[in-house]
Amino acid sequence: MIRLIITLIFVVLFLLVSLILQPLMLLIGLFSRRARDVVSLAIVNWAFRVVLFCAGTKATVSGEENVPKDEAVLYILNHNSYFDILLTYIRVPRPTGYVAKKEMLRFFTLTWWMKLLHCEFLDRKDLRAGMKTINDSAEKIKNGISMAIFPEGTRRRKEEEQLMLPFHGGSFKIAEKSDCKIVPVVLRGSSAIFEDHIPLLKKAHVDIQYLPPIDVGAMDREQRRDLPDIVRERMLEAYEAMIAAESEA
């Protein structure tokens, strides 16, 4: 419970300070949008690292060399915890937006940071709005901003037997429309931080693996059609290898 209280106190203080930082970020953006992106990325990375420290979270990361540093990409991630974003965002080498549920828009100060960091908000019940989110995300990638999305659409519940939920094909339209590379990211163990024992925060160790990028621009029509299955199969293989490694340890 102490970890939860300390973490909540920090988050509340950060969001309050954000009310002061917002005008400063807007001012910086008037002179240089790139400078605003760099400063915003640094501030949010610091805040996320503090939260992970307060929660007692440690991670073993592999395959990070697979992430292209000189071009924008689409990260495809499996989703087990609210902490998945924190764990992966502190490692992005360039400005990166996450595709989040539109329900996040109700949290004003948090949403302000998310918009500043190029996040998009998806309404899965509105087809037209959903397509706009996909098109806007693809445009951001074309303009040098990486994007990240959880194609399962929601967090996987602990009691479910599937290692990963089915992937929504629409998530991959972002890569198809921008002809970018996809970087699959596999996380295991993140639900042990919070979701497995709500409302407590507990020390946890998370494995994060970045798989080799998939060049969507080099794919033919048939390969693009099977893209969700191709990516999910590779991610499942990596996830099962993590389980096997744990069993052998």
C-alpha atoms as a PDB file:
ATOM      1  CA  MET A   1       0.000   0.000   0.000  1.00  0.00           C
ATOM      2  CA  ILE A   2       2.927   2.345   0.742  1.00  0.00           C
ATOM      3  CA  ARG A   3       4.167   2.015  -2.842  1.00  0.00           C
ATOM      4  CA  LEU A   4       0.728   2.928  -4.148  1.00  0.00           C
ATOM      5  CA  ILE A   5       0.442   5.982  -1.894  1.00  0.00           C
ATOM      6  CA  ILE A   6       3.918   7.284  -2.797  1.00  0.00           C
ATOM      7  CA  THR A   7       3.249   6.744  -6.501  1.00  0.00           C
ATOM      8  CA  LEU A   8      -0.117   8.486  -6.354  1.00  0.00           C
ATOM      9  CA  ILE A   9       1.377  11.451  -4.480  1.00  0.00           C
ATOM     10  CA  PHE A  10       4.050  11.853  -7.151  1.00  0.00           C
ATOM     11  CA  VAL A  11       1.519  11.570 -10.006  1.00  0.00           C
ATOM     12  CA  VAL A  12      -0.772  14.164  -8.443  1.00  0.00           C
ATOM     13  CA  LEU A  13       2.137  16.563  -7.841  1.00  0.00           C
ATOM     14  CA  PHE A  14       3.381  16.074 -11.398  1.00  0.00           C
ATOM     15  CA  LEU A  15      -0.047  16.784 -12.869  1.00  0.00           C
ATOM     16  CA  LEU A  16      -0.332  19.933 -10.725  1.00  0.00           C
ATOM     17  CA  VAL A  17       3.093  21.152 -11.838  1.00  0.00           C
ATOM     18  CA  SER A  18       1.990  20.387 -15.395  1.00  0.00           C
ATOM     19  CA  LEU A  19      -0.471  23.273 -15.146  1.00  0.00           C
ATOM     20  CA  ILE A  20       2.583  25.545 -14.900  1.00  0.00           C
ATOM     21  CA  LEU A  21       4.520  23.674 -17.570  1.00  0.00           C
ATOM     22  CA  GLN A  22       1.742  23.864 -20.165  1.00  0.00           C
ATOM     23  CA  PRO A  23       2.198  27.577 -21.004  1.00  0.00           C
ATOM     24  CA  LEU A  24       5.970  27.042 -21.130  1.00  0.00           C
ATOM     25  CA  MET A  25       5.597  24.183 -23.618  1.00  0.00           C
ATOM     26  CA  LEU A  26       3.267  26.286 -25.757  1.00  0.00           C
ATOM     27  CA  LEU A  27       5.799  29.125 -25.720  1.00  0.00           C
ATOM     28  CA  ILE A  28       8.643  26.823 -26.759  1.00  0.00           C
ATOM     29  CA  GLY A  29       6.443  25.448 -29.529  1.00  0.00           C
ATOM     30  CA  LEU A  30       5.992  28.928 -30.985  1.00  0.00           C
ATOM     31  CA  PHE A  31       9.727  29.115 -31.655  1.00  0.00           C
ATOM     32  CA  SER A  32      10.514  25.492 -32.420  1.00  0.00           C
ATOM     33  CA  ARG A  33       8.176  22.510 -32.597  1.00  0.00           C
ATOM     34  CA  ARG A  34      11.155  20.148 -32.560  1.00  0.00           C
ATOM     35  CA  ALA A  35      12.492  21.756 -29.371  1.00  0.00           C
ATOM     36  CA  ARG A  36       9.053  21.377 -27.778  1.00  0.00           C
ATOM     37  CA  ASP A  37       8.996  17.686 -28.735  1.00  0.00           C
ATOM     38  CA  VAL A  38      12.469  17.089 -27.284  1.00  0.00           C
ATOM     39  CA  VAL A  39      11.687  18.884 -24.013  1.00  0.00           C
ATOM     40  CA  SER A  40       8.294  17.178 -23.654  1.00  0.00           C
ATOM     41  CA  LEU A  41       9.825  13.774 -24.305  1.00  0.00           C
ATOM     42  CA  ALA A  42      12.501  14.390 -21.668  1.00  0.00           C
ATOM     43  CA  ILE A  43       9.993  15.561 -19.036  1.00  0.00           C
ATOM     44  CA  VAL A  44       7.576  12.666 -19.544  1.00  0.00           C
ATOM     45  CA  ASN A  45      10.427  10.129 -19.691  1.00  0.00           C
ATOM     46  CA  TRP A  46      11.670  11.436 -16.330  1.00  0.00           C
ATOM     47  CA  ALA A  47       8.185  11.263 -14.800  1.00  0.00           C
ATOM     48  CA  PHE A  48       7.644   7.712 -16.068  1.00  0.00           C
ATOM     49  CA  ARG A  49      11.015   6.593 -14.685  1.00  0.00           C
ATOM     50  CA  VAL A  50      10.117   8.010 -11.274  1.00  0.00           C
ATOM     51  CA  VAL A  51       6.781   6.172 -11.282  1.00  0.00           C
ATOM     52  CA  LEU A  52       8.485   2.894 -12.218  1.00  0.00           C
ATOM     53  CA  PHE A  53      11.057   3.448  -9.470  1.00  0.00           C
ATOM     54  CA  CYS A  54       8.343   4.136  -6.894  1.00  0.00           C
ATOM     55  CA  ALA A  55       6.516   0.987  -8.001  1.00  0.00           C
ATOM     56  CA  GLY A  56       9.714  -1.072  -7.640  1.00  0.00           C
ATOM     57  CA  THR A  57       9.629  -2.166 -11.275  1.00  0.00           C
ATOM     58  CA  LYS A  58      12.704  -3.546 -13.031  1.00  0.00           C
ATOM     59  CA  ALA A  59      12.978  -4.743 -16.598  1.00  0.00           C
ATOM     60  CA  THR A  60      15.209  -6.971 -18.668  1.00  0.00           C
ATOM     61  CA  VAL A  61      15.300  -5.630 -22.228  1.00  0.00           C
ATOM     62  CA  SER A  62      16.544  -7.489 -25.300  1.00  0.00           C
ATOM     63  CA  GLY A  63      16.589  -6.765 -29.019  1.00  0.00           C
ATOM     64  CA  GLU A  64      16.595  -2.995 -28.602  1.00  0.00           C
ATOM     65  CA  GLU A  65      19.135  -2.820 -31.410  1.00  0.00           C
ATOM     66  CA  ASN A  66      16.288  -3.843 -33.739  1.00  0.00           C
ATOM     67  CA  VAL A  67      14.635  -0.426 -33.375  1.00  0.00           C
ATOM     68  CA  PRO A  68      15.557   1.844 -36.337  1.00  0.00           C
ATOM     69  CA  LYS A  69      16.974   5.131 -35.063  1.00  0.00           C
ATOM     70  CA  ASP A  70      16.802   7.104 -38.320  1.00  0.00           C
ATOM     71  CA  GLU A  71      13.164   6.608 -39.302  1.00  0.00           C
ATOM     72  CA  ALA A  72       9.690   6.567 -37.803  1.00  0.00           C
ATOM     73  CA  VAL A  73       8.141   3.159 -37.172  1.00  0.00           C
ATOM     74  CA  LEU A  74       4.927   1.569 -35.910  1.00  0.00           C
ATOM     75  CA  TYR A  75       5.369  -0.318 -32.637  1.00  0.00           C
ATOM     76  CA  ILE A  76       2.992  -3.244 -32.173  1.00  0.00           C
ATOM     77  CA  LEU A  77       2.715  -4.284 -28.514  1.00  0.00           C
ATOM     78  CA  ASN A  78       0.838  -6.912 -26.526  1.00  0.00           C
ATOM     79  CA  HIS A  79      -1.101  -5.449 -23.632  1.00  0.00           C
ATOM     80  CA  ASN A  80      -1.210  -6.741 -20.049  1.00  0.00           C
ATOM     81  CA  SER A  81      -0.951  -3.619 -17.907  1.00  0.00           C
ATOM     82  CA  TYR A  82      -1.361   0.140 -17.653  1.00  0.00           C
ATOM     83  CA  PHE A  83       2.393   0.111 -17.053  1.00  0.00           C
ATOM     84  CA  ASP A  84       3.118  -1.197 -20.578  1.00  0.00           C
ATOM     85  CA  ILE A  85       3.162   2.376 -21.865  1.00  0.00           C
ATOM     86  CA  LEU A  86       5.540   3.578 -19.155  1.00  0.00           C
ATOM     87  CA  LEU A  87       7.893   0.633 -19.636  1.00  0.00           C
ATOM     88  CA  THR A  88       8.195   1.125 -23.379  1.00  0.00           C
ATOM     89  CA  TYR A  89       7.899   4.899 -23.693  1.00  0.00           C
ATOM     90  CA  ILE A  90      11.086   5.545 -21.693  1.00  0.00           C
ATOM     91  CA  ARG A  91      12.969   3.631 -24.394  1.00  0.00           C
ATOM     92  CA  VAL A  92      11.768   5.325 -27.565  1.00  0.00           C
ATOM     93  CA  PRO A  93      14.650   6.992 -29.455  1.00  0.00           C
ATOM     94  CA  ARG A  94      12.461   9.660 -31.065  1.00  0.00           C
ATOM     95  CA  PRO A  95       9.105  11.413 -30.493  1.00  0.00           C
ATOM     96  CA  THR A  96       6.448   8.724 -30.365  1.00  0.00           C
ATOM     97  CA  GLY A  97       2.681   8.830 -30.028  1.00  0.00           C
ATOM     98  CA  TYR A  98       0.515   6.037 -28.628  1.00  0.00           C
ATOM     99  CA  VAL A  99      -2.949   5.211 -29.911  1.00  0.00           C
ATOM    100  CA  ALA A 100      -5.193   5.250 -26.826  1.00  0.00           C
ATOM    101  CA  LYS A 101      -8.884   4.723 -26.179  1.00  0.00           C
ATOM    102  CA  LYS A 102     -11.004   7.854 -26.511  1.00  0.00           C
ATOM    103  CA  GLU A 103     -12.059   7.423 -22.875  1.00  0.00           C
ATOM    104  CA  MET A 104      -8.656   8.850 -21.898  1.00  0.00           C
ATOM    105  CA  LEU A 105      -9.870  12.267 -23.076  1.00  0.00           C
ATOM    106  CA  ARG A 106     -11.713  12.742 -19.776  1.00  0.00           C
ATOM    107  CA  PHE A 107      -8.410  13.184 -17.900  1.00  0.00           C
ATOM    108  CA  PHE A 108      -7.643  16.760 -18.899  1.00  0.00           C
ATOM    109  CA  THR A 109      -4.072  17.342 -17.670  1.00  0.00           C
ATOM    110  CA  LEU A 110      -2.916  13.858 -18.644  1.00  0.00           C
ATOM    111  CA  THR A 111      -4.604  14.180 -22.026  1.00  0.00           C
ATOM    112  CA  TRP A 112      -2.782  17.477 -22.592  1.00  0.00           C
ATOM    113  CA  TRP A 113       0.574  15.707 -22.268  1.00  0.00           C
ATOM    114  CA  MET A 114      -0.614  12.897 -24.499  1.00  0.00           C
ATOM    115  CA  LYS A 115      -1.681  15.292 -27.248  1.00  0.00           C
ATOM    116  CA  LEU A 116       1.600  17.169 -26.894  1.00  0.00           C
ATOM    117  CA  LEU A 117       3.405  13.864 -27.410  1.00  0.00           C
ATOM    118  CA  HIS A 118       1.437  13.103 -30.596  1.00  0.00           C
ATOM    119  CA  CYS A 119      -0.943  10.506 -29.123  1.00  0.00           C
ATOM    120  CA  GLU A 120      -4.133   9.697 -31.000  1.00  0.00           C
ATOM    121  CA  PHE A 121      -7.473   8.693 -29.476  1.00  0.00           C
ATOM    122  CA  LEU A 122      -9.426   5.845 -31.019  1.00  0.00           C
ATOM    123  CA  ASP A 123     -13.190   5.380 -30.950  1.00  0.00           C
ATOM    124  CA  ARG A 124     -13.699   1.744 -31.930  1.00  0.00           C
ATOM    125  CA  LYS A 125     -17.487   2.189 -32.027  1.00  0.00           C
ATOM    126  CA  ASP A 126     -17.351   4.928 -34.667  1.00  0.00           C
ATOM    127  CA  LEU A 127     -15.985   3.590 -37.955  1.00  0.00           C
ATOM    128  CA  ARG A 128     -15.498   7.028 -39.515  1.00  0.00           C
ATOM    129  CA  ALA A 129     -13.717   8.410 -36.448  1.00  0.00           C
ATOM    130  CA  GLY A 130     -11.619   5.248 -36.273  1.00  0.00           C
ATOM    131  CA  MET A 131     -10.480   5.659 -39.878  1.00  0.00           C
ATOM    132  CA  LYS A 132      -9.550   9.280 -39.175  1.00  0.00           C
ATOM    133  CA  THR A 133      -7.378   8.154 -36.269  1.00  0.00           C
ATOM    134  CA  ILE A 134      -5.662   5.601 -38.505  1.00  0.00           C
ATOM    135  CA  ASN A 135      -5.088   8.159 -41.274  1.00  0.00           C
ATOM    136  CA  ASP A 136      -3.799  10.782 -38.821  1.00  0.00           C
ATOM    137  CA  SER A 137      -1.425   8.233 -37.277  1.00  0.00           C
ATOM    138  CA  ALA A 138      -0.112   7.268 -40.710  1.00  0.00           C
ATOM    139  CA  GLU A 139       0.493  10.928 -41.538  1.00  0.00           C
ATOM    140  CA  LYS A 140       2.461  11.383 -38.344  1.00  0.00           C
ATOM    141  CA  ILE A 141       4.722   8.484 -39.279  1.00  0.00           C
ATOM    142  CA  LYS A 142       5.264  10.030 -42.712  1.00  0.00           C
ATOM    143  CA  ASN A 143       6.266  13.230 -40.887  1.00  0.00           C
ATOM    144  CA  GLY A 144       8.837  11.460 -38.716  1.00  0.00           C
ATOM    145  CA  ILE A 145       6.778  10.689 -35.608  1.00  0.00           C
ATOM    146  CA  SER A 146       6.724   7.033 -34.567  1.00  0.00           C
ATOM    147  CA  MET A 147       3.439   5.547 -33.373  1.00  0.00           C
ATOM    148  CA  ALA A 148       2.596   2.667 -31.045  1.00  0.00           C
ATOM    149  CA  ILE A 149      -0.581   0.631 -30.785  1.00  0.00           C
ATOM    150  CA  PHE A 150      -1.959  -2.337 -28.849  1.00  0.00           C
ATOM    151  CA  PRO A 151      -3.794  -4.384 -31.529  1.00  0.00           C
ATOM    152  CA  GLU A 152      -5.502  -6.606 -28.934  1.00  0.00           C
ATOM    153  CA  GLY A 153      -7.662  -3.584 -28.228  1.00  0.00           C
ATOM    154  CA  THR A 154      -7.706  -4.086 -24.466  1.00  0.00           C
ATOM    155  CA  ARG A 155      -5.626  -5.509 -21.653  1.00  0.00           C
ATOM    156  CA  ARG A 156      -5.562  -9.294 -21.437  1.00  0.00           C
ATOM    157  CA  ARG A 157      -7.223 -10.480 -18.235  1.00  0.00           C
ATOM    158  CA  LYS A 158      -5.197 -12.772 -15.991  1.00  0.00           C
ATOM    159  CA  GLU A 159      -7.789 -15.547 -16.004  1.00  0.00           C
ATOM    160  CA  GLU A 160      -7.845 -15.832 -19.787  1.00  0.00           C
ATOM    161  CA  GLU A 161      -6.000 -18.841 -21.186  1.00  0.00           C
ATOM    162  CA  GLN A 162      -4.870 -17.141 -24.391  1.00  0.00           C
ATOM    163  CA  LEU A 163      -1.353 -15.735 -24.253  1.00  0.00           C
ATOM    164  CA  MET A 164      -2.506 -12.963 -26.559  1.00  0.00           C
ATOM    165  CA  LEU A 165      -5.943 -11.865 -27.643  1.00  0.00           C
ATOM    166  CA  PRO A 166      -6.750 -11.764 -31.386  1.00  0.00           C
ATOM    167  CA  PHE A 167      -5.284  -8.730 -33.163  1.00  0.00           C
ATOM    168  CA  HIS A 168      -7.565  -6.121 -34.736  1.00  0.00           C
ATOM    169  CA  GLY A 169      -6.623  -5.825 -38.402  1.00  0.00           C
ATOM    170  CA  GLY A 170      -7.369  -2.101 -38.477  1.00  0.00           C
ATOM    171  CA  SER A 171      -4.330  -1.413 -36.278  1.00  0.00           C
ATOM    172  CA  PHE A 172      -2.066  -2.480 -39.143  1.00  0.00           C
ATOM    173  CA  LYS A 173      -3.638  -0.071 -41.626  1.00  0.00           C
ATOM    174  CA  ILE A 174      -1.391   2.595 -40.076  1.00  0.00           C
ATOM    175  CA  ALA A 175       1.663   0.759 -41.397  1.00  0.00           C
ATOM    176  CA  GLU A 176       0.044  -0.027 -44.746  1.00  0.00           C
ATOM    177  CA  LYS A 177      -0.889   3.607 -45.359  1.00  0.00           C
ATOM    178  CA  SER A 178       2.553   4.915 -44.377  1.00  0.00           C
ATOM    179  CA  ASP A 179       4.666   2.034 -45.778  1.00  0.00           C
ATOM    180  CA  CYS A 180       6.684   2.115 -42.574  1.00  0.00           C
ATOM    181  CA  LYS A 181       8.429  -0.649 -40.692  1.00  0.00           C
ATOM    182  CA  ILE A 182       6.667  -2.473 -37.885  1.00  0.00           C
ATOM    183  CA  VAL A 183       8.614  -3.216 -34.715  1.00  0.00           C
ATOM    184  CA  PRO A 184       6.844  -5.930 -32.675  1.00  0.00           C
ATOM    185  CA  VAL A 185       7.359  -5.523 -28.909  1.00  0.00           C
ATOM    186  CA  VAL A 186       6.629  -8.397 -26.538  1.00  0.00           C
ATOM    187  CA  LEU A 187       6.105  -7.770 -22.814  1.00  0.00           C
ATOM    188  CA  ARG A 188       5.770 -10.427 -20.126  1.00  0.00           C
ATOM    189  CA  GLY A 189       5.177  -9.907 -16.431  1.00  0.00           C
ATOM    190  CA  SER A 190       3.842  -6.342 -16.423  1.00  0.00           C
ATOM    191  CA  SER A 191       0.480  -7.329 -14.924  1.00  0.00           C
ATOM    192  CA  ALA A 192       2.359  -8.382 -11.769  1.00  0.00           C
ATOM    193  CA  ILE A 193       2.988  -4.691 -11.028  1.00  0.00           C
ATOM    194  CA  PHE A 194      -0.664  -3.788 -10.430  1.00  0.00           C
ATOM    195  CA  GLU A 195      -3.385  -5.689 -12.295  1.00  0.00           C
ATOM    196  CA  ASP A 196      -2.799  -9.081 -10.637  1.00  0.00           C
ATOM    197  CA  HIS A 197      -3.495  -7.647  -7.172  1.00  0.00           C
ATOM    198  CA  ILE A 198      -5.468  -4.408  -7.531  1.00  0.00           C
ATOM    199  CA  PRO A 199      -5.296  -1.994  -5.707  1.00  0.00           C
ATOM    200  CA  LEU A 200      -1.748  -2.813  -4.537  1.00  0.00           C
ATOM    201  CA  LEU A 201       1.509  -2.002  -6.306  1.00  0.00           C
ATOM    202  CA  LYS A 202       4.161  -4.677  -5.910  1.00  0.00           C
ATOM    203  CA  LYS A 203       7.762  -5.159  -6.935  1.00  0.00           C
ATOM    204  CA  ALA A 204       7.889  -6.893 -10.282  1.00  0.00           C
ATOM    205  CA  HIS A 205      10.312  -7.908 -12.986  1.00  0.00           C
ATOM    206  CA  VAL A 206       9.237  -7.440 -16.587  1.00  0.00           C
ATOM    207  CA  ASP A 207      10.770  -8.932 -19.731  1.00  0.00           C
ATOM    208  CA  ILE A 208      10.661  -6.736 -22.841  1.00  0.00           C
ATOM    209  CA  GLN A 209      11.800  -7.982 -26.226  1.00  0.00           C
ATOM    210  CA  TYR A 210      12.013  -5.954 -29.434  1.00  0.00           C
ATOM    211  CA  LEU A 211      11.717  -8.234 -32.463  1.00  0.00           C
ATOM    212  CA  PRO A 212      13.354  -7.565 -35.860  1.00  0.00           C
ATOM    213  CA  PRO A 213      11.424  -4.953 -37.868  1.00  0.00           C
ATOM    214  CA  ILE A 214       8.993  -5.956 -40.594  1.00  0.00           C
ATOM    215  CA  ASP A 215       9.214  -3.795 -43.708  1.00  0.00           C
ATOM    216  CA  VAL A 216       5.604  -3.324 -44.784  1.00  0.00           C
ATOM    217  CA  GLY A 217       6.660  -1.222 -47.773  1.00  0.00           C
ATOM    218  CA  ALA A 218       8.401  -4.268 -49.257  1.00  0.00           C
ATOM    219  CA  MET A 219       5.362  -6.553 -48.898  1.00  0.00           C
ATOM    220  CA  ASP A 220       3.024  -7.571 -51.683  1.00  0.00           C
ATOM    221  CA  ARG A 221      -0.770  -7.421 -51.401  1.00  0.00           C
ATOM    222  CA  GLU A 222      -1.147 -10.982 -50.139  1.00  0.00           C
ATOM    223  CA  GLN A 223       1.456 -10.497 -47.408  1.00  0.00           C
ATOM    224  CA  ARG A 224      -0.211  -7.276 -46.308  1.00  0.00           C
ATOM    225  CA  ARG A 225      -3.528  -9.074 -46.024  1.00  0.00           C
ATOM    226  CA  ASP A 226      -1.964 -11.614 -43.675  1.00  0.00           C
ATOM    227  CA  LEU A 227       0.020  -8.980 -41.741  1.00  0.00           C
ATOM    228  CA  PRO A 228      -1.928  -9.229 -38.426  1.00  0.00           C
ATOM    229  CA  ASP A 229      -1.459 -13.016 -38.355  1.00  0.00           C
ATOM    230  CA  ILE A 230       2.218 -12.774 -39.329  1.00  0.00           C
ATOM    231  CA  VAL A 231       3.019 -10.283 -36.563  1.00  0.00           C
ATOM    232  CA  ARG A 232       0.939 -12.068 -33.931  1.00  0.00           C
ATOM    233  CA  GLU A 233       2.587 -15.409 -34.744  1.00  0.00           C
ATOM    234  CA  ARG A 234       6.075 -13.930 -34.324  1.00  0.00           C
ATOM    235  CA  MET A 235       5.099 -12.267 -31.056  1.00  0.00           C
ATOM    236  CA  LEU A 236       3.509 -15.451 -29.710  1.00  0.00           C
ATOM    237  CA  GLU A 237       6.651 -17.399 -30.560  1.00  0.00           C
ATOM    238  CA  ALA A 238       8.753 -14.895 -28.610  1.00  0.00           C
ATOM    239  CA  TYR A 239       6.283 -14.939 -25.688  1.00  0.00           C
ATOM    240  CA  GLU A 240       6.346 -18.725 -25.496  1.00  0.00           C
ATOM    241  CA  ALA A 241      10.162 -18.645 -25.574  1.00  0.00           C
ATOM    242  CA  MET A 242      10.070 -16.319 -22.537  1.00  0.00           C
ATOM    243  CA  ILE A 243       7.856 -18.827 -20.696  1.00  0.00           C
ATOM    244  CA  ALA A 244      10.190 -21.679 -21.602  1.00  0.00           C
ATOM    245  CA  ALA A 245      13.223 -19.725 -20.401  1.00  0.00           C
ATOM    246  CA  GLU A 246      11.497 -19.074 -17.060  1.00  0.00           C
ATOM    247  CA  SER A 247      10.735 -22.771 -16.663  1.00  0.00           C
ATOM    248  CA  GLU A 248      14.365 -23.705 -17.272  1.00  0.00           C
ATOM    249  CA  ALA A 249      15.727 -21.090 -14.853  1.00  0.00           C
END
